Protein backbone atom coordinates (compact mmCIF):
# COMPACT_ATOMS: atom_id res chain seq x y z
CA MET A 1 4.71 -12.76 7.74
CA ALA A 2 8.25 -14.37 7.64
CA THR A 3 8.51 -14.16 4.13
CA ILE A 4 7.34 -10.59 3.86
CA ALA A 5 10.84 -8.83 3.93
CA ALA A 6 12.17 -10.63 1.11
CA SER A 7 10.09 -9.48 -1.31
CA ALA A 8 12.15 -6.68 -2.58
CA SER A 9 11.48 -5.16 -5.88
CA PRO A 10 13.69 -5.92 -8.85
CA ALA A 11 15.02 -2.58 -8.64
CA MET A 12 16.15 -2.79 -5.33
CA GLN A 13 17.25 -6.45 -5.78
CA GLU A 14 19.53 -5.26 -8.44
CA ILE A 15 21.11 -2.32 -6.34
CA SER A 16 22.18 -4.76 -3.58
CA SER A 17 23.12 -7.29 -5.99
CA LYS A 18 25.87 -4.89 -7.27
CA ALA A 19 26.97 -3.83 -3.76
CA THR A 20 27.48 -7.68 -2.82
CA THR A 21 29.27 -8.72 -5.95
CA PRO A 22 33.17 -8.50 -4.38
CA ALA A 23 31.35 -10.98 -1.41
CA ARG A 24 30.53 -13.64 -2.98
CA THR A 25 33.31 -13.64 -5.70
CA ALA A 26 35.87 -13.33 -3.11
CA ALA A 27 37.94 -16.59 -2.47
CA ALA A 28 38.82 -16.90 0.91
CA ALA A 29 35.70 -15.99 2.37
CA PRO A 30 34.12 -18.82 4.14
CA ALA A 31 30.34 -20.34 3.41
CA PRO A 32 27.93 -17.97 5.41
CA ALA A 33 25.40 -19.81 7.26
CA PRO A 34 22.48 -20.81 5.18
CA ALA A 35 19.64 -17.82 5.20
CA ARG A 36 17.29 -17.48 7.33
CA TYR A 37 13.69 -15.78 6.86
CA ARG A 38 14.42 -12.78 8.94
CA PRO A 39 11.33 -9.94 8.46
CA SER A 40 13.11 -6.47 8.10
CA PRO A 41 12.50 -4.31 11.29
CA MET A 42 10.65 -1.50 8.95
CA VAL A 43 8.44 -3.63 6.86
CA ILE A 44 6.71 -5.08 10.21
CA PHE A 45 6.63 -1.72 11.49
CA SER A 46 4.67 -0.58 7.89
CA ALA A 47 2.19 -4.16 7.75
CA CYS A 48 1.23 -3.03 11.16
CA MET A 49 0.54 0.49 10.72
CA VAL A 50 -1.26 -0.66 7.39
CA LEU A 51 -3.12 -2.79 9.47
CA LEU A 52 -3.68 -0.11 12.13
CA GLY A 53 -5.30 1.77 9.53
CA ALA A 54 -8.23 -0.64 8.90
CA THR A 55 -10.71 1.62 10.86
CA GLY A 56 -9.90 4.49 8.15
CA PRO A 57 -12.27 2.69 5.79
CA LEU A 58 -15.33 1.63 8.18
CA LEU A 59 -15.19 5.73 9.57
CA LEU A 60 -15.65 6.69 6.17
CA ARG A 61 -18.69 4.75 5.77
CA VAL A 62 -19.64 5.97 9.04
CA TYR A 63 -19.96 9.43 7.78
CA PHE A 64 -22.19 8.74 4.99
CA VAL A 65 -23.86 6.18 6.57
CA HIS A 66 -24.93 9.22 9.32
CA GLY A 67 -25.46 12.40 6.73
CA GLY A 68 -21.61 13.11 5.46
CA GLN A 69 -22.33 14.03 1.51
CA ARG A 70 -19.12 15.93 0.42
CA LEU A 71 -17.33 13.68 -1.45
CA PHE A 72 -14.02 15.97 -2.32
CA PHE A 73 -14.20 16.69 1.49
CA SER A 74 -13.98 12.54 2.24
CA ALA A 75 -11.22 12.71 -0.24
CA ALA A 76 -9.56 14.62 1.78
CA LEU A 77 -9.47 13.06 4.78
CA GLN A 78 -7.90 10.02 3.08
CA ILE A 79 -4.88 11.91 2.44
CA SER A 80 -4.86 15.39 4.79
CA GLY A 81 -3.26 13.16 7.82
CA TRP A 82 0.24 14.05 6.23
CA PRO A 83 1.33 17.47 8.89
CA LEU A 84 1.62 14.42 11.17
CA LEU A 85 4.87 12.98 9.50
CA LEU A 86 6.51 16.98 10.36
CA VAL A 87 7.37 15.78 13.94
CA PRO A 88 8.95 12.48 13.03
CA ILE A 89 10.55 13.78 9.64
CA GLY A 90 12.18 16.66 11.68
CA VAL A 91 13.57 14.50 14.43
CA SER A 92 14.99 12.54 11.67
CA LEU A 93 16.57 14.86 10.01
CA PHE A 94 18.37 16.54 12.99
CA ARG A 95 19.11 13.21 14.34
CA ASP A 96 21.43 12.75 11.04
CA ARG A 97 22.27 15.89 10.84
CA ARG A 98 25.77 15.20 10.60
CA HIS A 99 25.16 14.28 7.22
CA GLY A 100 23.65 16.87 6.27
CA VAL A 101 20.08 18.13 5.83
CA SER A 102 20.63 18.67 2.29
CA ASN A 103 21.87 15.15 1.84
CA LEU A 104 18.55 13.34 3.61
CA LEU A 105 16.14 15.66 1.81
CA LEU A 106 14.33 14.58 -1.18
CA ALA A 107 15.95 14.85 -4.19
CA PRO A 108 14.13 17.69 -6.33
CA ARG A 109 13.11 15.25 -8.94
CA LEU A 110 11.75 12.63 -6.44
CA ALA A 111 9.72 15.78 -4.55
CA GLY A 112 8.08 16.38 -8.50
CA ALA A 113 7.53 12.82 -9.19
CA GLY A 114 5.70 12.61 -5.99
CA ALA A 115 3.72 15.74 -6.09
CA LEU A 116 2.23 14.50 -9.53
CA LEU A 117 1.46 11.18 -8.15
CA GLY A 118 -0.24 12.46 -4.50
CA ALA A 119 -2.54 14.45 -7.21
CA LEU A 120 -3.20 11.41 -9.17
CA TYR A 121 -3.67 9.72 -6.30
CA ALA A 122 -6.06 12.33 -4.53
CA ILE A 123 -8.26 11.74 -7.65
CA SER A 124 -8.18 8.06 -6.98
CA CYS A 125 -9.29 8.68 -3.60
CA PHE A 126 -11.82 10.90 -5.07
CA ILE A 127 -13.31 7.88 -7.12
CA TYR A 128 -13.58 5.34 -3.90
CA ALA A 129 -15.78 8.16 -2.14
CA LEU A 130 -18.13 8.22 -5.01
CA GLY A 131 -18.48 3.54 -4.57
CA SER A 132 -18.11 4.18 -0.90
CA GLN A 133 -21.63 6.51 -0.95
CA ALA A 134 -23.00 3.90 -2.64
CA LEU A 135 -22.14 1.04 -1.44
CA PRO A 136 -21.46 -0.76 2.05
CA LEU A 137 -18.55 -1.03 3.42
CA SER A 138 -17.97 -5.13 3.30
CA THR A 139 -18.93 -4.59 -0.57
CA SER A 140 -16.86 -1.81 -1.54
CA SER A 141 -13.82 -3.46 0.63
CA LEU A 142 -14.19 -6.46 -1.63
CA LEU A 143 -13.91 -4.53 -4.61
CA GLN A 144 -10.74 -2.90 -3.41
CA ALA A 145 -8.80 -6.00 -3.01
CA THR A 146 -9.05 -6.14 -6.98
CA GLN A 147 -6.42 -3.46 -6.72
CA LEU A 148 -3.76 -5.89 -5.79
CA ALA A 149 -4.51 -7.34 -9.43
CA PHE A 150 -4.19 -3.48 -10.93
CA THR A 151 -1.24 -3.45 -9.27
CA ALA A 152 0.53 -6.68 -10.23
CA VAL A 153 -0.09 -5.78 -13.68
CA PHE A 154 1.21 -2.29 -13.36
CA ALA A 155 4.14 -3.39 -11.57
CA PHE A 156 4.63 -6.47 -14.23
CA ILE A 157 5.12 -3.44 -17.33
CA PHE A 158 6.46 -0.37 -15.24
CA ALA A 159 8.51 -2.07 -12.17
CA GLY A 160 9.64 -5.11 -13.95
CA LEU A 161 7.99 -7.45 -11.73
CA ARG A 162 8.56 -11.24 -12.48
CA PHE A 163 5.38 -13.51 -11.99
CA THR A 164 5.88 -17.09 -10.07
CA PRO A 165 2.75 -19.16 -10.13
CA PHE A 166 2.12 -18.51 -7.19
CA SER A 167 2.08 -15.05 -7.11
CA ALA A 168 -0.24 -15.62 -10.87
CA ASN A 169 -2.55 -17.59 -8.73
CA ALA A 170 -2.99 -15.04 -6.22
CA VAL A 171 -3.53 -12.65 -8.46
CA VAL A 172 -6.21 -14.45 -10.17
CA LEU A 173 -7.94 -15.95 -6.93
CA LEU A 174 -7.78 -11.77 -5.74
CA THR A 175 -9.30 -10.96 -8.96
CA ILE A 176 -12.32 -13.33 -8.83
CA GLY A 177 -13.00 -12.81 -5.67
CA PRO A 178 -14.31 -9.95 -5.70
CA ALA A 179 -15.88 -10.67 -8.93
CA VAL A 180 -18.50 -12.96 -7.77
CA LEU A 181 -20.13 -10.31 -5.89
CA GLY A 182 -21.65 -9.13 -9.36
CA VAL A 183 -22.77 -12.72 -10.07
CA GLY A 184 -27.15 -12.48 -9.75
CA PRO A 185 -29.49 -9.40 -9.61
CA GLY A 186 -28.79 -6.92 -6.13
CA SER A 187 -26.01 -9.70 -4.89
CA GLY A 188 -24.83 -7.16 -1.83
CA LYS A 189 -27.14 -4.16 -3.17
CA PRO A 190 -29.02 -3.12 0.13
CA ALA A 191 -32.79 -2.67 0.30
CA GLY A 192 -34.22 0.14 -1.08
CA GLU A 193 -31.01 0.48 -2.78
CA ALA A 194 -31.95 1.44 -6.77
CA SER A 195 -29.96 -1.06 -8.92
CA LYS A 196 -28.38 1.85 -11.06
CA THR A 197 -26.69 3.46 -8.11
CA TYR A 198 -25.87 0.21 -6.29
CA TRP A 199 -23.90 -0.84 -10.34
CA THR A 200 -22.30 2.85 -10.58
CA GLY A 201 -21.43 2.90 -7.22
CA PHE A 202 -19.95 -0.91 -8.22
CA CYS A 203 -17.85 0.25 -11.29
CA GLU A 204 -16.35 3.57 -9.34
CA SER A 205 -15.17 1.32 -6.93
CA ILE A 206 -13.16 -0.54 -9.47
CA ALA A 207 -11.98 2.27 -11.03
CA ALA A 208 -10.70 3.62 -8.12
CA ALA A 209 -9.06 0.22 -7.34
CA ALA A 210 -7.45 0.35 -10.63
CA LEU A 211 -6.05 3.89 -10.28
CA ALA A 212 -4.20 3.65 -7.14
CA GLY A 213 -3.07 0.06 -8.65
CA LEU A 214 -1.46 2.23 -10.99
CA VAL A 215 -0.39 4.81 -8.36
CA LEU A 216 1.94 1.87 -6.10
CA PRO A 217 4.36 1.15 -9.20
CA LEU A 218 5.28 4.45 -10.10
CA VAL A 219 5.69 5.39 -6.45
CA GLU A 220 7.60 2.09 -6.66
CA VAL A 221 10.25 3.32 -9.87
CA ALA A 222 10.08 6.65 -8.64
CA MET A 223 11.95 6.05 -5.79
CA ALA A 224 14.44 3.60 -7.12
CA ARG A 225 14.59 5.66 -9.99
CA TYR A 226 15.27 8.90 -8.30
CA GLY A 227 15.72 8.10 -4.35
CA ARG A 228 18.86 6.35 -4.44
CA ARG A 229 21.32 8.21 -2.37
CA THR A 230 25.73 8.36 -2.10
CA GLY A 231 27.97 8.47 0.49
CA PRO A 232 27.45 8.41 3.64
CA THR A 233 23.81 8.34 3.32
CA ALA A 234 23.41 6.00 1.20
CA ARG A 235 21.25 2.87 1.89
CA VAL A 236 19.55 -0.02 0.38
CA PRO A 237 16.80 0.47 0.43
CA PRO A 238 16.53 4.00 0.97
CA PRO A 239 16.44 5.12 4.72
CA TYR A 240 12.57 5.37 6.15
CA VAL A 241 12.80 9.46 6.49
CA THR A 242 12.63 9.24 2.49
CA ALA A 243 9.51 6.84 2.56
CA MET A 244 7.72 9.89 5.17
CA GLN A 245 9.34 13.09 2.84
CA MET A 246 7.89 10.91 -0.14
CA GLN A 247 4.32 10.61 1.86
CA ALA A 248 4.51 14.12 2.85
CA VAL A 249 4.87 15.42 -0.15
CA MET A 250 2.50 13.24 -1.70
CA GLY A 251 -0.04 14.17 0.51
CA ALA A 252 0.45 17.85 0.70
CA ALA A 253 -0.22 17.86 -3.44
CA GLY A 254 -3.49 15.66 -3.10
CA THR A 255 -4.73 17.79 -0.32
CA ALA A 256 -4.57 20.85 -2.76
CA VAL A 257 -6.03 18.97 -5.64
CA CYS A 258 -8.82 17.97 -2.62
CA LEU A 259 -9.06 21.84 -1.80
CA ILE A 260 -9.73 23.07 -5.18
CA GLY A 261 -12.73 20.56 -5.38
CA MET A 262 -13.81 22.02 -1.87
CA ALA A 263 -13.82 25.30 -2.97
CA ILE A 264 -15.65 24.36 -6.71
CA LYS A 265 -18.20 22.59 -4.85
CA SER A 266 -18.80 25.03 -2.17
CA ASP A 267 -17.96 22.29 0.33
CA PHE A 268 -16.39 24.89 2.94
CA ALA A 269 -19.75 26.75 3.72
CA ALA A 270 -21.58 23.17 3.95
CA LEU A 271 -19.38 21.41 6.74
CA PRO A 272 -21.04 23.57 9.73
CA SER A 273 -24.66 22.93 8.39
CA GLU A 274 -23.50 19.06 7.89
CA ALA A 275 -21.79 18.80 11.86
CA ALA A 276 -25.43 20.09 12.64
CA THR A 277 -27.19 17.61 10.89
CA PHE A 278 -25.16 14.53 11.68
CA GLY A 279 -26.69 11.83 12.89
CA LEU A 280 -24.58 10.75 15.99
CA GLY A 281 -24.26 14.39 16.61
CA LYS A 282 -22.06 17.44 16.46
CA THR A 283 -19.11 16.14 18.25
CA ASN A 284 -18.86 12.94 17.29
CA TYR A 285 -19.02 14.58 13.75
CA TYR A 286 -15.60 16.53 14.24
CA LEU A 287 -14.16 12.99 16.03
CA VAL A 288 -14.96 10.77 13.47
CA LEU A 289 -13.79 13.22 11.22
CA ILE A 290 -10.17 13.96 13.34
CA TRP A 291 -9.70 10.05 13.58
CA ASP A 292 -10.60 9.10 10.23
CA ALA A 293 -7.57 11.30 8.70
CA VAL A 294 -5.72 9.90 11.49
CA ALA A 295 -6.44 6.56 10.36
CA TRP A 296 -6.16 7.29 6.55
CA GLN A 297 -2.27 8.64 6.93
CA LEU A 298 -1.67 5.31 9.77
CA LEU A 299 -2.57 3.20 5.82
CA ASN A 300 -0.85 5.30 3.42
CA MET A 301 2.28 5.59 5.64
CA GLY A 302 2.44 1.96 5.86
CA VAL A 303 1.58 0.95 2.34
CA MET A 304 4.89 3.84 1.37
CA GLY A 305 7.09 2.10 3.71
CA LEU A 306 5.89 -1.31 2.11
CA ILE A 307 7.05 0.11 -1.62
CA THR A 308 9.99 1.83 -0.23
CA CYS A 309 11.65 -1.64 1.91
CA ALA A 310 9.94 -4.21 -0.04
CA SER A 311 7.77 -3.83 -3.44
CA SER A 312 4.53 -2.53 -4.90
CA LEU A 313 3.63 -5.83 -5.24
CA LEU A 314 3.31 -6.61 -1.29
CA ALA A 315 1.66 -2.92 -0.78
CA GLY A 316 -0.97 -4.43 -2.49
CA ILE A 317 -0.67 -7.36 -0.59
CA MET A 318 -0.94 -6.24 2.40
CA ILE A 319 -3.77 -3.86 1.56
CA ALA A 320 -5.68 -7.06 0.01
CA VAL A 321 -4.84 -7.89 3.80
CA LEU A 322 -7.60 -5.87 5.18
CA LEU A 323 -10.27 -6.99 3.32
CA PRO A 324 -10.78 -9.89 6.23
CA VAL A 325 -10.53 -6.67 9.13
CA SER A 326 -13.25 -4.47 7.33
CA GLU A 327 -15.11 -7.21 6.68
CA VAL A 328 -15.28 -8.13 10.71
CA LEU A 329 -15.32 -4.50 11.30
CA ALA A 330 -18.73 -3.76 8.91
CA VAL A 331 -20.60 -6.49 10.38
CA ILE A 332 -20.00 -5.70 14.21
CA PHE A 333 -20.20 -1.75 14.14
CA LEU A 334 -22.26 -0.95 11.19
CA HIS A 335 -24.35 -4.52 11.62
CA GLU A 336 -23.99 -4.89 7.67
CA LYS A 337 -25.18 -8.79 6.54
CA PHE A 338 -22.52 -10.87 5.45
CA ASP A 339 -24.49 -12.94 3.11
CA GLY A 340 -23.30 -16.06 0.62
CA PRO A 341 -21.81 -13.89 -2.23
CA LYS A 342 -19.46 -11.82 0.24
CA GLY A 343 -18.62 -15.56 2.09
CA ILE A 344 -17.25 -17.27 -1.10
CA ALA A 345 -15.24 -13.51 -1.88
CA LEU A 346 -13.48 -13.62 0.99
CA VAL A 347 -12.71 -17.34 1.05
CA LEU A 348 -10.77 -16.80 -2.54
CA SER A 349 -9.60 -13.34 -1.79
CA LEU A 350 -7.98 -15.22 1.58
CA TRP A 351 -6.98 -18.32 -0.90
CA GLY A 352 -4.87 -16.05 -2.50
CA PHE A 353 -3.21 -14.55 -0.21
CA ALA A 354 -2.11 -17.36 1.08
CA SER A 355 -0.92 -18.80 -2.13
CA TYR A 356 1.50 -15.61 -2.31
CA LEU A 357 3.22 -15.85 0.84
CA TYR A 358 3.32 -19.75 0.19
CA GLY A 359 5.16 -19.02 -3.34
CA GLU A 360 7.20 -16.37 -1.62
CA LYS A 361 8.55 -18.48 0.76
CA ALA A 362 9.23 -21.09 -1.62
CA GLN A 363 10.81 -18.75 -4.10
CA LYS A 364 13.58 -17.40 -1.63
CA LYS A 365 14.40 -20.41 -0.47
CA ARG A 366 15.58 -21.41 -3.73
CA GLU A 367 17.19 -18.78 -4.13
CA ALA A 368 18.94 -19.21 -1.14
CA GLN A 369 20.28 -22.34 -1.53
CA LYS A 370 21.45 -21.19 -5.08
CA GLU A 371 23.26 -18.70 -3.77
CA GLU A 372 24.69 -21.19 -1.35
CA GLN A 373 25.84 -23.62 -4.03
CA GLN A 374 27.41 -20.74 -6.04
CA LEU A 375 28.80 -19.61 -2.72
CA ALA A 376 30.47 -23.02 -2.28
CA VAL A 377 31.46 -23.50 -6.20
CA ALA A 378 34.00 -20.13 -5.59
CA LYS A 379 35.47 -21.46 -2.11
CA LYS A 380 36.35 -24.74 -4.25
CA THR A 381 37.95 -22.90 -7.22
CA GLY A 382 39.87 -20.49 -4.77
CA ASP A 383 41.11 -23.40 -2.90
CA LEU A 384 42.27 -25.56 -5.78
CA GLU A 385 44.08 -21.81 -7.20
CA SER A 386 45.99 -21.29 -4.14
CA ALA A 387 47.18 -24.47 -3.80
CA ALA A 388 48.32 -24.62 -7.83
CA PRO A 389 52.22 -24.07 -7.40
């Protein structure tokens, strides 16, 4: 976890390097102490929120297992918790009001980009709901791990991600792991379920992972291009209130898309009867819905915080970390079978995650050593110039 804070996006690294250039070239500046790998508090906070949101997929599966059938409604659950952010956003704006509230609000172009990306993410949530309806939670969670591969590819295309041997190895392993589920007929397929239904859900989960993998780098690009501030409100990376506002805009736009779909599919009229026939009872039906929306909001806000404070690739890595958590929760609470192919996929996924963390730590250590050497050369050069007559 100590390497997480160092995983800044190329765009943020460029801003930071420009801001620190004078300090690096100043001849009289003493050489700093060797760099220590201390994670940013906001990155740790965001990572913890992602882990707390692990119950979101579990509760969504509970909804389907016990009689839930409304797909657009289940997609809305994944993004409709954004009103929970209004209070912390208001508190943050009030606390920093001395800088001018207008200077703290999202730029119009960033808000527009957030609305478009929120609509795209809503489509991803709908496709994910289709796959979750047909697959066990443990299988759909493993398939969602392929999102990291798509995130890495799209981050390379749009966000300028630079691959290292370790990050490339992680992407390959986290892609091969879920693919193991497709080896052999009926691998991971629940008893009594038609093969066509299973494979349709399999493809839908992959499609949802691909679409979500596209959204993450585009959010990073939008934040880097339109989220920069100047003057007293400038931050590198942007302040956390910017991440909360971005998540609120995306959630509101995505919720609007889901509400339109619910109206077309007559979900509003069907919900009371669905609650009456829910397998766990009417009261538990509404409790499952409420806590599912809360859990997904924690997950979404954590991912947005990681994108803002670090990079979209790190956000994809943390989503992959949810894999073992979802596996354990599914086995404990839903009594799903954990067979050989799932075990192999889990081991490969964890191996890929460990490879990424090790590679990031080694890369940042090399960068710190190189920076110290440059500072030493600059100091030595300055001493020679000052000693010259």
